Amino acid sequence: MVELRERYAEFQSKEAEVVVVTTTDVPTSKLIAEDLALPYPLLSDPGWAVFKGYGAGAALGAPLPAEFLIDGSGRVVARYLCDLVPNHPPLDATLARIPAR
């Protein structure tokens, strides 16, 4: 989340919005967002509805990280689903997948 914060302007320059969804409750998510001074929304999904809706896997009682690029019409244009080994793509790769406007 910190790297996303530090590079948020790069997403904005591509007219892309960053939204992070966590499994923490609303008060905890709010505290995290304030503590980290996040410029983007940190949404709370303690029931995993968003994770399940987008097909993210789970292990050890928690959903696995996932990343989705969703276009302006709500269509998923790219996705990354983590397996048991955290292997998130670098932000440069994510930024490169956002179409130029």
PDB file of N, CA and C in Angstrom:
ATOM      1  N   MET A   1       0.814  -1.186   0.000  1.00  0.00           N
ATOM      2  CA  MET A   1       0.000   0.000   0.000  1.00  0.00           C
ATOM      3  C   MET A   1       0.861   1.254   0.000  1.00  0.00           C
ATOM      4  N   VAL A   2       2.023   1.166   0.618  1.00  0.00           N
ATOM      5  CA  VAL A   2       2.902   2.335   0.673  1.00  0.00           C
ATOM      6  C   VAL A   2       3.446   2.650  -0.718  1.00  0.00           C
ATOM      7  N   GLU A   3       3.859   1.618  -1.466  1.00  0.00           N
ATOM      8  CA  GLU A   3       4.367   1.869  -2.818  1.00  0.00           C
ATOM      9  C   GLU A   3       3.261   2.449  -3.708  1.00  0.00           C
ATOM     10  N   LEU A   4       2.046   1.950  -3.551  1.00  0.00           N
ATOM     11  CA  LEU A   4       0.922   2.523  -4.300  1.00  0.00           C
ATOM     12  C   LEU A   4       0.743   3.997  -3.949  1.00  0.00           C
ATOM     13  N   ARG A   5       0.872   4.312  -2.668  1.00  0.00           N
ATOM     14  CA  ARG A   5       0.748   5.710  -2.240  1.00  0.00           C
ATOM     15  C   ARG A   5       1.831   6.561  -2.900  1.00  0.00           C
ATOM     16  N   GLU A   6       3.056   6.049  -2.878  1.00  0.00           N
ATOM     17  CA  GLU A   6       4.181   6.806  -3.411  1.00  0.00           C
ATOM     18  C   GLU A   6       4.083   7.011  -4.919  1.00  0.00           C
ATOM     19  N   ARG A   7       3.401   6.095  -5.604  1.00  0.00           N
ATOM     20  CA  ARG A   7       3.327   6.172  -7.065  1.00  0.00           C
ATOM     21  C   ARG A   7       1.923   6.504  -7.569  1.00  0.00           C
ATOM     22  N   TYR A   8       1.074   6.944  -6.668  1.00  0.00           N
ATOM     23  CA  TYR A   8      -0.318   7.232  -7.006  1.00  0.00           C
ATOM     24  C   TYR A   8      -0.441   8.231  -8.155  1.00  0.00           C
ATOM     25  N   ALA A   9       0.420   9.230  -8.186  1.00  0.00           N
ATOM     26  CA  ALA A   9       0.367  10.248  -9.242  1.00  0.00           C
ATOM     27  C   ALA A   9       0.546   9.629 -10.627  1.00  0.00           C
ATOM     28  N   GLU A  10       1.304   8.544 -10.712  1.00  0.00           N
ATOM     29  CA  GLU A  10       1.491   7.881 -12.005  1.00  0.00           C
ATOM     30  C   GLU A  10       0.176   7.272 -12.498  1.00  0.00           C
ATOM     31  N   PHE A  11      -0.615   6.736 -11.574  1.00  0.00           N
ATOM     32  CA  PHE A  11      -1.925   6.202 -11.950  1.00  0.00           C
ATOM     33  C   PHE A  11      -2.845   7.342 -12.372  1.00  0.00           C
ATOM     34  N   GLN A  12      -2.812   8.434 -11.615  1.00  0.00           N
ATOM     35  CA  GLN A  12      -3.651   9.585 -11.951  1.00  0.00           C
ATOM     36  C   GLN A  12      -3.290  10.155 -13.318  1.00  0.00           C
ATOM     37  N   SER A  13      -2.005  10.158 -13.654  1.00  0.00           N
ATOM     38  CA  SER A  13      -1.584  10.698 -14.951  1.00  0.00           C
ATOM     39  C   SER A  13      -2.132   9.868 -16.106  1.00  0.00           C
ATOM     40  N   LYS A  14      -2.494   8.618 -15.827  1.00  0.00           N
ATOM     41  CA  LYS A  14      -3.103   7.750 -16.839  1.00  0.00           C
ATOM     42  C   LYS A  14      -4.624   7.722 -16.706  1.00  0.00           C
ATOM     43  N   GLU A  15      -5.152   8.632 -15.887  1.00  0.00           N
ATOM     44  CA  GLU A  15      -6.584   8.712 -15.612  1.00  0.00           C
ATOM     45  C   GLU A  15      -7.119   7.390 -15.067  1.00  0.00           C
ATOM     46  N   ALA A  16      -6.312   6.741 -14.230  1.00  0.00           N
ATOM     47  CA  ALA A  16      -6.700   5.485 -13.587  1.00  0.00           C
ATOM     48  C   ALA A  16      -6.901   5.740 -12.096  1.00  0.00           C
ATOM     49  N   GLU A  17      -7.819   5.021 -11.516  1.00  0.00           N
ATOM     50  CA  GLU A  17      -8.080   5.146 -10.081  1.00  0.00           C
ATOM     51  C   GLU A  17      -7.590   3.890  -9.377  1.00  0.00           C
ATOM     52  N   VAL A  18      -7.026   4.068  -8.207  1.00  0.00           N
ATOM     53  CA  VAL A  18      -6.582   2.963  -7.359  1.00  0.00           C
ATOM     54  C   VAL A  18      -7.610   2.788  -6.251  1.00  0.00           C
ATOM     55  N   VAL A  19      -8.039   1.558  -6.034  1.00  0.00           N
ATOM     56  CA  VAL A  19      -8.928   1.219  -4.924  1.00  0.00           C
ATOM     57  C   VAL A  19      -8.376  -0.058  -4.311  1.00  0.00           C
ATOM     58  N   VAL A  20      -8.182  -0.063  -3.011  1.00  0.00           N
ATOM     59  CA  VAL A  20      -7.701  -1.251  -2.310  1.00  0.00           C
ATOM     60  C   VAL A  20      -8.832  -1.773  -1.437  1.00  0.00           C
ATOM     61  N   VAL A  21      -9.044  -3.080  -1.498  1.00  0.00           N
ATOM     62  CA  VAL A  21     -10.073  -3.728  -0.686  1.00  0.00           C
ATOM     63  C   VAL A  21      -9.371  -4.625   0.325  1.00  0.00           C
ATOM     64  N   THR A  22      -9.742  -4.489   1.596  1.00  0.00           N
ATOM     65  CA  THR A  22      -9.166  -5.319   2.651  1.00  0.00           C
ATOM     66  C   THR A  22     -10.269  -6.123   3.333  1.00  0.00           C
ATOM     67  N   THR A  23      -9.861  -7.080   4.131  1.00  0.00           N
ATOM     68  CA  THR A  23     -10.835  -7.868   4.897  1.00  0.00           C
ATOM     69  C   THR A  23     -11.024  -7.318   6.302  1.00  0.00           C
ATOM     70  N   THR A  24     -10.395  -6.204   6.591  1.00  0.00           N
ATOM     71  CA  THR A  24     -10.546  -5.615   7.923  1.00  0.00           C
ATOM     72  C   THR A  24     -11.898  -4.916   8.039  1.00  0.00           C
ATOM     73  N   ASP A  25     -12.332  -4.683   9.272  1.00  0.00           N
ATOM     74  CA  ASP A  25     -13.596  -3.975   9.476  1.00  0.00           C
ATOM     75  C   ASP A  25     -13.405  -2.485   9.163  1.00  0.00           C
ATOM     76  N   VAL A  26     -14.506  -1.760   9.090  1.00  0.00           N
ATOM     77  CA  VAL A  26     -14.465  -0.350   8.697  1.00  0.00           C
ATOM     78  C   VAL A  26     -13.579   0.488   9.621  1.00  0.00           C
ATOM     79  N   PRO A  27     -13.713   0.387  10.959  1.00  0.00           N
ATOM     80  CA  PRO A  27     -12.843   1.207  11.816  1.00  0.00           C
ATOM     81  C   PRO A  27     -11.355   0.913  11.608  1.00  0.00           C
ATOM     82  N   THR A  28     -11.008  -0.358  11.420  1.00  0.00           N
ATOM     83  CA  THR A  28      -9.603  -0.718  11.214  1.00  0.00           C
ATOM     84  C   THR A  28      -9.114  -0.200   9.867  1.00  0.00           C
ATOM     85  N   SER A  29      -9.931  -0.356   8.831  1.00  0.00           N
ATOM     86  CA  SER A  29      -9.554   0.150   7.506  1.00  0.00           C
ATOM     87  C   SER A  29      -9.352   1.659   7.542  1.00  0.00           C
ATOM     88  N   LYS A  30     -10.229   2.357   8.247  1.00  0.00           N
ATOM     89  CA  LYS A  30     -10.111   3.813   8.366  1.00  0.00           C
ATOM     90  C   LYS A  30      -8.816   4.191   9.077  1.00  0.00           C
ATOM     91  N   LEU A  31      -8.493   3.472  10.140  1.00  0.00           N
ATOM     92  CA  LEU A  31      -7.264   3.730  10.888  1.00  0.00           C
ATOM     93  C   LEU A  31      -6.033   3.496  10.011  1.00  0.00           C
ATOM     94  N   ILE A  32      -6.033   2.410   9.247  1.00  0.00           N
ATOM     95  CA  ILE A  32      -4.913   2.103   8.350  1.00  0.00           C
ATOM     96  C   ILE A  32      -4.759   3.210   7.314  1.00  0.00           C
ATOM     97  N   ALA A  33      -5.871   3.601   6.689  1.00  0.00           N
ATOM     98  CA  ALA A  33      -5.824   4.642   5.658  1.00  0.00           C
ATOM     99  C   ALA A  33      -5.287   5.953   6.221  1.00  0.00           C
ATOM    100  N   GLU A  34      -5.721   6.310   7.417  1.00  0.00           N
ATOM    101  CA  GLU A  34      -5.244   7.548   8.041  1.00  0.00           C
ATOM    102  C   GLU A  34      -3.777   7.434   8.435  1.00  0.00           C
ATOM    103  N   ASP A  35      -3.400   6.305   9.035  1.00  0.00           N
ATOM    104  CA  ASP A  35      -2.026   6.103   9.493  1.00  0.00           C
ATOM    105  C   ASP A  35      -1.038   6.142   8.333  1.00  0.00           C
ATOM    106  N   LEU A  36      -1.435   5.568   7.193  1.00  0.00           N
ATOM    107  CA  LEU A  36      -0.549   5.529   6.028  1.00  0.00           C
ATOM    108  C   LEU A  36      -0.746   6.724   5.099  1.00  0.00           C
ATOM    109  N   ALA A  37      -1.678   7.611   5.442  1.00  0.00           N
ATOM    110  CA  ALA A  37      -1.990   8.790   4.617  1.00  0.00           C
ATOM    111  C   ALA A  37      -2.252   8.387   3.166  1.00  0.00           C
ATOM    112  N   LEU A  38      -3.146   7.429   2.991  1.00  0.00           N
ATOM    113  CA  LEU A  38      -3.433   6.926   1.653  1.00  0.00           C
ATOM    114  C   LEU A  38      -4.281   7.932   0.875  1.00  0.00           C
ATOM    115  N   PRO A  39      -3.883   8.248  -0.361  1.00  0.00           N
ATOM    116  CA  PRO A  39      -4.656   9.186  -1.169  1.00  0.00           C
ATOM    117  C   PRO A  39      -5.787   8.512  -1.945  1.00  0.00           C
ATOM    118  N   TYR A  40      -5.874   7.200  -1.852  1.00  0.00           N
ATOM    119  CA  TYR A  40      -6.875   6.419  -2.577  1.00  0.00           C
ATOM    120  C   TYR A  40      -7.775   5.704  -1.575  1.00  0.00           C
ATOM    121  N   PRO A  41      -8.961   5.263  -2.006  1.00  0.00           N
ATOM    122  CA  PRO A  41      -9.883   4.590  -1.085  1.00  0.00           C
ATOM    123  C   PRO A  41      -9.363   3.235  -0.611  1.00  0.00           C
ATOM    124  N   LEU A  42      -9.575   2.964   0.659  1.00  0.00           N
ATOM    125  CA  LEU A  42      -9.301   1.658   1.258  1.00  0.00           C
ATOM    126  C   LEU A  42     -10.655   1.138   1.738  1.00  0.00           C
ATOM    127  N   LEU A  43     -11.198   0.194   1.008  1.00  0.00           N
ATOM    128  CA  LEU A  43     -12.537  -0.309   1.292  1.00  0.00           C
ATOM    129  C   LEU A  43     -12.488  -1.540   2.180  1.00  0.00           C
ATOM    130  N   SER A  44     -13.502  -1.700   2.983  1.00  0.00           N
ATOM    131  CA  SER A  44     -13.581  -2.794   3.950  1.00  0.00           C
ATOM    132  C   SER A  44     -14.526  -3.878   3.438  1.00  0.00           C
ATOM    133  N   ASP A  45     -14.047  -5.129   3.448  1.00  0.00           N
ATOM    134  CA  ASP A  45     -14.853  -6.269   2.993  1.00  0.00           C
ATOM    135  C   ASP A  45     -14.625  -7.460   3.924  1.00  0.00           C
ATOM    136  N   PRO A  46     -15.044  -7.342   5.195  1.00  0.00           N
ATOM    137  CA  PRO A  46     -14.780  -8.430   6.137  1.00  0.00           C
ATOM    138  C   PRO A  46     -15.493  -9.734   5.786  1.00  0.00           C
ATOM    139  N   GLY A  47     -16.535  -9.683   4.979  1.00  0.00           N
ATOM    140  CA  GLY A  47     -17.245 -10.900   4.573  1.00  0.00           C
ATOM    141  C   GLY A  47     -16.730 -11.506   3.279  1.00  0.00           C
ATOM    142  N   TRP A  48     -15.711 -10.910   2.686  1.00  0.00           N
ATOM    143  CA  TRP A  48     -15.040 -11.392   1.481  1.00  0.00           C
ATOM    144  C   TRP A  48     -15.904 -11.340   0.230  1.00  0.00           C
ATOM    145  N   ALA A  49     -16.983 -10.606   0.225  1.00  0.00           N
ATOM    146  CA  ALA A  49     -17.887 -10.595  -0.934  1.00  0.00           C
ATOM    147  C   ALA A  49     -17.177 -10.157  -2.216  1.00  0.00           C
ATOM    148  N   VAL A  50     -16.366  -9.118  -2.127  1.00  0.00           N
ATOM    149  CA  VAL A  50     -15.647  -8.639  -3.308  1.00  0.00           C
ATOM    150  C   VAL A  50     -14.621  -9.672  -3.752  1.00  0.00           C
ATOM    151  N   PHE A  51     -13.880 -10.221  -2.806  1.00  0.00           N
ATOM    152  CA  PHE A  51     -12.872 -11.232  -3.131  1.00  0.00           C
ATOM    153  C   PHE A  51     -13.515 -12.424  -3.835  1.00  0.00           C
ATOM    154  N   LYS A  52     -14.616 -12.909  -3.284  1.00  0.00           N
ATOM    155  CA  LYS A  52     -15.325 -14.049  -3.879  1.00  0.00           C
ATOM    156  C   LYS A  52     -15.900 -13.676  -5.242  1.00  0.00           C
ATOM    157  N   GLY A  53     -16.464 -12.483  -5.343  1.00  0.00           N
ATOM    158  CA  GLY A  53     -17.075 -12.044  -6.591  1.00  0.00           C
ATOM    159  C   GLY A  53     -16.104 -11.963  -7.752  1.00  0.00           C
ATOM    160  N   TYR A  54     -14.856 -11.661  -7.446  1.00  0.00           N
ATOM    161  CA  TYR A  54     -13.841 -11.571  -8.491  1.00  0.00           C
ATOM    162  C   TYR A  54     -12.999 -12.836  -8.602  1.00  0.00           C
ATOM    163  N   GLY A  55     -13.343 -13.867  -7.844  1.00  0.00           N
ATOM    164  CA  GLY A  55     -12.671 -15.154  -7.986  1.00  0.00           C
ATOM    165  C   GLY A  55     -11.317 -15.267  -7.325  1.00  0.00           C
ATOM    166  N   ALA A  56     -11.033 -14.440  -6.330  1.00  0.00           N
ATOM    167  CA  ALA A  56      -9.761 -14.551  -5.609  1.00  0.00           C
ATOM    168  C   ALA A  56      -9.767 -15.822  -4.773  1.00  0.00           C
ATOM    169  N   GLY A  57      -8.638 -16.477  -4.688  1.00  0.00           N
ATOM    170  CA  GLY A  57      -8.528 -17.689  -3.891  1.00  0.00           C
ATOM    171  C   GLY A  57      -8.375 -17.371  -2.411  1.00  0.00           C
ATOM    172  N   ALA A  58      -8.263 -18.420  -1.607  1.00  0.00           N
ATOM    173  CA  ALA A  58      -8.089 -18.251  -0.162  1.00  0.00           C
ATOM    174  C   ALA A  58      -7.161 -19.335   0.357  1.00  0.00           C
ATOM    175  N   ALA A  59      -6.495 -19.033   1.460  1.00  0.00           N
ATOM    176  CA  ALA A  59      -5.628 -19.997   2.135  1.00  0.00           C
ATOM    177  C   ALA A  59      -5.492 -19.572   3.587  1.00  0.00           C
ATOM    178  N   LEU A  60      -5.434 -20.542   4.463  1.00  0.00           N
ATOM    179  CA  LEU A  60      -5.236 -20.295   5.886  1.00  0.00           C
ATOM    180  C   LEU A  60      -6.266 -19.319   6.451  1.00  0.00           C
ATOM    181  N   GLY A  61      -7.486 -19.401   5.967  1.00  0.00           N
ATOM    182  CA  GLY A  61      -8.563 -18.583   6.508  1.00  0.00           C
ATOM    183  C   GLY A  61      -8.593 -17.138   6.064  1.00  0.00           C
ATOM    184  N   ALA A  62      -7.896 -16.823   4.984  1.00  0.00           N
ATOM    185  CA  ALA A  62      -7.893 -15.448   4.479  1.00  0.00           C
ATOM    186  C   ALA A  62      -7.826 -15.470   2.958  1.00  0.00           C
ATOM    187  N   PRO A  63      -8.431 -14.477   2.311  1.00  0.00           N
ATOM    188  CA  PRO A  63      -8.317 -14.424   0.854  1.00  0.00           C
ATOM    189  C   PRO A  63      -6.892 -14.084   0.440  1.00  0.00           C
ATOM    190  N   LEU A  64      -6.505 -14.603  -0.703  1.00  0.00           N
ATOM    191  CA  LEU A  64      -5.184 -14.305  -1.242  1.00  0.00           C
ATOM    192  C   LEU A  64      -5.225 -12.976  -1.997  1.00  0.00           C
ATOM    193  N   PRO A  65      -4.097 -12.284  -2.068  1.00  0.00           N
ATOM    194  CA  PRO A  65      -4.071 -11.016  -2.792  1.00  0.00           C
ATOM    195  C   PRO A  65      -4.465 -11.203  -4.259  1.00  0.00           C
ATOM    196  N   ALA A  66      -5.079 -10.198  -4.796  1.00  0.00           N
ATOM    197  CA  ALA A  66      -5.460 -10.196  -6.207  1.00  0.00           C
ATOM    198  C   ALA A  66      -5.415  -8.759  -6.701  1.00  0.00           C
ATOM    199  N   GLU A  67      -5.308  -8.617  -7.997  1.00  0.00           N
ATOM    200  CA  GLU A  67      -5.216  -7.292  -8.598  1.00  0.00           C
ATOM    201  C   GLU A  67      -6.036  -7.308  -9.885  1.00  0.00           C
ATOM    202  N   PHE A  68      -6.850  -6.286 -10.080  1.00  0.00           N
ATOM    203  CA  PHE A  68      -7.704  -6.219 -11.259  1.00  0.00           C
ATOM    204  C   PHE A  68      -7.615  -4.841 -11.885  1.00  0.00           C
ATOM    205  N   LEU A  69      -7.560  -4.803 -13.205  1.00  0.00           N
ATOM    206  CA  LEU A  69      -7.694  -3.554 -13.942  1.00  0.00           C
ATOM    207  C   LEU A  69      -9.087  -3.579 -14.548  1.00  0.00           C
ATOM    208  N   ILE A  70      -9.888  -2.597 -14.191  1.00  0.00           N
ATOM    209  CA  ILE A  70     -11.281  -2.536 -14.620  1.00  0.00           C
ATOM    210  C   ILE A  70     -11.456  -1.259 -15.432  1.00  0.00           C
ATOM    211  N   ASP A  71     -12.002  -1.393 -16.635  1.00  0.00           N
ATOM    212  CA  ASP A  71     -12.151  -0.206 -17.478  1.00  0.00           C
ATOM    213  C   ASP A  71     -13.353   0.629 -17.057  1.00  0.00           C
ATOM    214  N   GLY A  72     -13.544   1.747 -17.721  1.00  0.00           N
ATOM    215  CA  GLY A  72     -14.602   2.684 -17.360  1.00  0.00           C
ATOM    216  C   GLY A  72     -16.001   2.122 -17.457  1.00  0.00           C
ATOM    217  N   SER A  73     -16.176   1.044 -18.217  1.00  0.00           N
ATOM    218  CA  SER A  73     -17.500   0.430 -18.329  1.00  0.00           C
ATOM    219  C   SER A  73     -17.690  -0.701 -17.321  1.00  0.00           C
ATOM    220  N   GLY A  74     -16.677  -0.922 -16.473  1.00  0.00           N
ATOM    221  CA  GLY A  74     -16.780  -1.959 -15.449  1.00  0.00           C
ATOM    222  C   GLY A  74     -16.287  -3.324 -15.885  1.00  0.00           C
ATOM    223  N   ARG A  75     -15.685  -3.405 -17.060  1.00  0.00           N
ATOM    224  CA  ARG A  75     -15.180  -4.679 -17.576  1.00  0.00           C
ATOM    225  C   ARG A  75     -13.757  -4.926 -17.063  1.00  0.00           C
ATOM    226  N   VAL A  76     -13.490  -6.136 -16.576  1.00  0.00           N
ATOM    227  CA  VAL A  76     -12.142  -6.503 -16.135  1.00  0.00           C
ATOM    228  C   VAL A  76     -11.290  -6.703 -17.386  1.00  0.00           C
ATOM    229  N   VAL A  77     -10.252  -5.887 -17.527  1.00  0.00           N
ATOM    230  CA  VAL A  77      -9.396  -5.976 -18.708  1.00  0.00           C
ATOM    231  C   VAL A  77      -8.078  -6.687 -18.416  1.00  0.00           C
ATOM    232  N   ALA A  78      -7.732  -6.836 -17.162  1.00  0.00           N
ATOM    233  CA  ALA A  78      -6.537  -7.584 -16.770  1.00  0.00           C
ATOM    234  C   ALA A  78      -6.703  -8.002 -15.318  1.00  0.00           C
ATOM    235  N   ARG A  79      -6.136  -9.154 -14.982  1.00  0.00           N
ATOM    236  CA  ARG A  79      -6.217  -9.590 -13.590  1.00  0.00           C
ATOM    237  C   ARG A  79      -4.996 -10.406 -13.213  1.00  0.00           C
ATOM    238  N   TYR A  80      -4.705 -10.364 -11.940  1.00  0.00           N
ATOM    239  CA  TYR A  80      -3.628 -11.151 -11.344  1.00  0.00           C
ATOM    240  C   TYR A  80      -4.224 -11.803 -10.112  1.00  0.00           C
ATOM    241  N   LEU A  81      -4.122 -13.110 -10.019  1.00  0.00           N
ATOM    242  CA  LEU A  81      -4.575 -13.842  -8.840  1.00  0.00           C
ATOM    243  C   LEU A  81      -3.366 -14.494  -8.203  1.00  0.00           C
ATOM    244  N   CYS A  82      -3.109 -14.177  -6.959  1.00  0.00           N
ATOM    245  CA  CYS A  82      -1.966 -14.734  -6.237  1.00  0.00           C
ATOM    246  C   CYS A  82      -2.212 -16.205  -5.941  1.00  0.00           C
ATOM    247  N   ASP A  83      -1.151 -16.994  -6.013  1.00  0.00           N
ATOM    248  CA  ASP A  83      -1.253 -18.357  -5.515  1.00  0.00           C
ATOM    249  C   ASP A  83      -0.685 -18.347  -4.094  1.00  0.00           C
ATOM    250  N   LEU A  84      -0.241 -19.450  -3.596  1.00  0.00           N
ATOM    251  CA  LEU A  84       0.229 -19.498  -2.206  1.00  0.00           C
ATOM    252  C   LEU A  84       1.524 -18.730  -1.972  1.00  0.00           C
ATOM    253  N   VAL A  85       2.283 -18.489  -3.026  1.00  0.00           N
ATOM    254  CA  VAL A  85       3.530 -17.743  -2.898  1.00  0.00           C
ATOM    255  C   VAL A  85       3.276 -16.321  -3.387  1.00  0.00           C
ATOM    256  N   PRO A  86       3.437 -15.323  -2.512  1.00  0.00           N
ATOM    257  CA  PRO A  86       3.209 -13.947  -2.965  1.00  0.00           C
ATOM    258  C   PRO A  86       4.133 -13.607  -4.132  1.00  0.00           C
ATOM    259  N   ASN A  87       3.546 -13.265  -5.240  1.00  0.00           N
ATOM    260  CA  ASN A  87       4.322 -12.955  -6.440  1.00  0.00           C
ATOM    261  C   ASN A  87       3.656 -11.828  -7.226  1.00  0.00           C
ATOM    262  N   HIS A  88       3.288 -10.784  -6.502  1.00  0.00           N
ATOM    263  CA  HIS A  88       2.635  -9.640  -7.131  1.00  0.00           C
ATOM    264  C   HIS A  88       3.492  -9.098  -8.259  1.00  0.00           C
ATOM    265  N   PRO A  89       2.866  -8.729  -9.366  1.00  0.00           N
ATOM    266  CA  PRO A  89       3.651  -8.089 -10.422  1.00  0.00           C
ATOM    267  C   PRO A  89       4.139  -6.721  -9.953  1.00  0.00           C
ATOM    268  N   PRO A  90       5.282  -6.277 -10.448  1.00  0.00           N
ATOM    269  CA  PRO A  90       5.762  -4.947 -10.076  1.00  0.00           C
ATOM    270  C   PRO A  90       4.783  -3.877 -10.560  1.00  0.00           C
ATOM    271  N   LEU A  91       4.737  -2.753  -9.864  1.00  0.00           N
ATOM    272  CA  LEU A  91       3.830  -1.679 -10.268  1.00  0.00           C
ATOM    273  C   LEU A  91       4.124  -1.185 -11.679  1.00  0.00           C
ATOM    274  N   ASP A  92       5.377  -1.251 -12.111  1.00  0.00           N
ATOM    275  CA  ASP A  92       5.687  -0.849 -13.485  1.00  0.00           C
ATOM    276  C   ASP A  92       4.904  -1.698 -14.480  1.00  0.00           C
ATOM    277  N   ALA A  93       4.786  -2.991 -14.209  1.00  0.00           N
ATOM    278  CA  ALA A  93       4.032  -3.881 -15.098  1.00  0.00           C
ATOM    279  C   ALA A  93       2.548  -3.538 -15.075  1.00  0.00           C
ATOM    280  N   THR A  94       2.029  -3.226 -13.905  1.00  0.00           N
ATOM    281  CA  THR A  94       0.618  -2.842 -13.797  1.00  0.00           C
ATOM    282  C   THR A  94       0.365  -1.541 -14.544  1.00  0.00           C
ATOM    283  N   LEU A  95       1.218  -0.559 -14.342  1.00  0.00           N
ATOM    284  CA  LEU A  95       1.060   0.724 -15.033  1.00  0.00           C
ATOM    285  C   LEU A  95       1.140   0.555 -16.548  1.00  0.00           C
ATOM    286  N   ALA A  96       2.005  -0.337 -17.012  1.00  0.00           N
ATOM    287  CA  ALA A  96       2.162  -0.560 -18.451  1.00  0.00           C
ATOM    288  C   ALA A  96       0.902  -1.157 -19.075  1.00  0.00           C
ATOM    289  N   ARG A  97       0.094  -1.833 -18.275  1.00  0.00           N
ATOM    290  CA  ARG A  97      -1.125  -2.460 -18.801  1.00  0.00           C
ATOM    291  C   ARG A  97      -2.301  -1.491 -18.896  1.00  0.00           C
ATOM    292  N   ILE A  98      -2.155  -0.311 -18.343  1.00  0.00           N
ATOM    293  CA  ILE A  98      -3.230   0.681 -18.412  1.00  0.00           C
ATOM    294  C   ILE A  98      -3.143   1.372 -19.769  1.00  0.00           C
ATOM    295  N   PRO A  99      -4.219   1.299 -20.560  1.00  0.00           N
ATOM    296  CA  PRO A  99      -4.167   1.916 -21.892  1.00  0.00           C
ATOM    297  C   PRO A  99      -3.980   3.428 -21.817  1.00  0.00           C
ATOM    298  N   ALA A 100      -3.246   3.963 -22.770  1.00  0.00           N
ATOM    299  CA  ALA A 100      -3.049   5.416 -22.851  1.00  0.00           C
ATOM    300  C   ALA A 100      -4.361   6.073 -23.253  1.00  0.00           C
ATOM    301  N   ARG A 101      -4.569   7.267 -22.773  1.00  0.00           N
ATOM    302  CA  ARG A 101      -5.795   8.020 -23.123  1.00  0.00           C
ATOM    303  C   ARG A 101      -5.455   9.148 -24.049  1.00  0.00           C
TER     304      ARG A 101
END
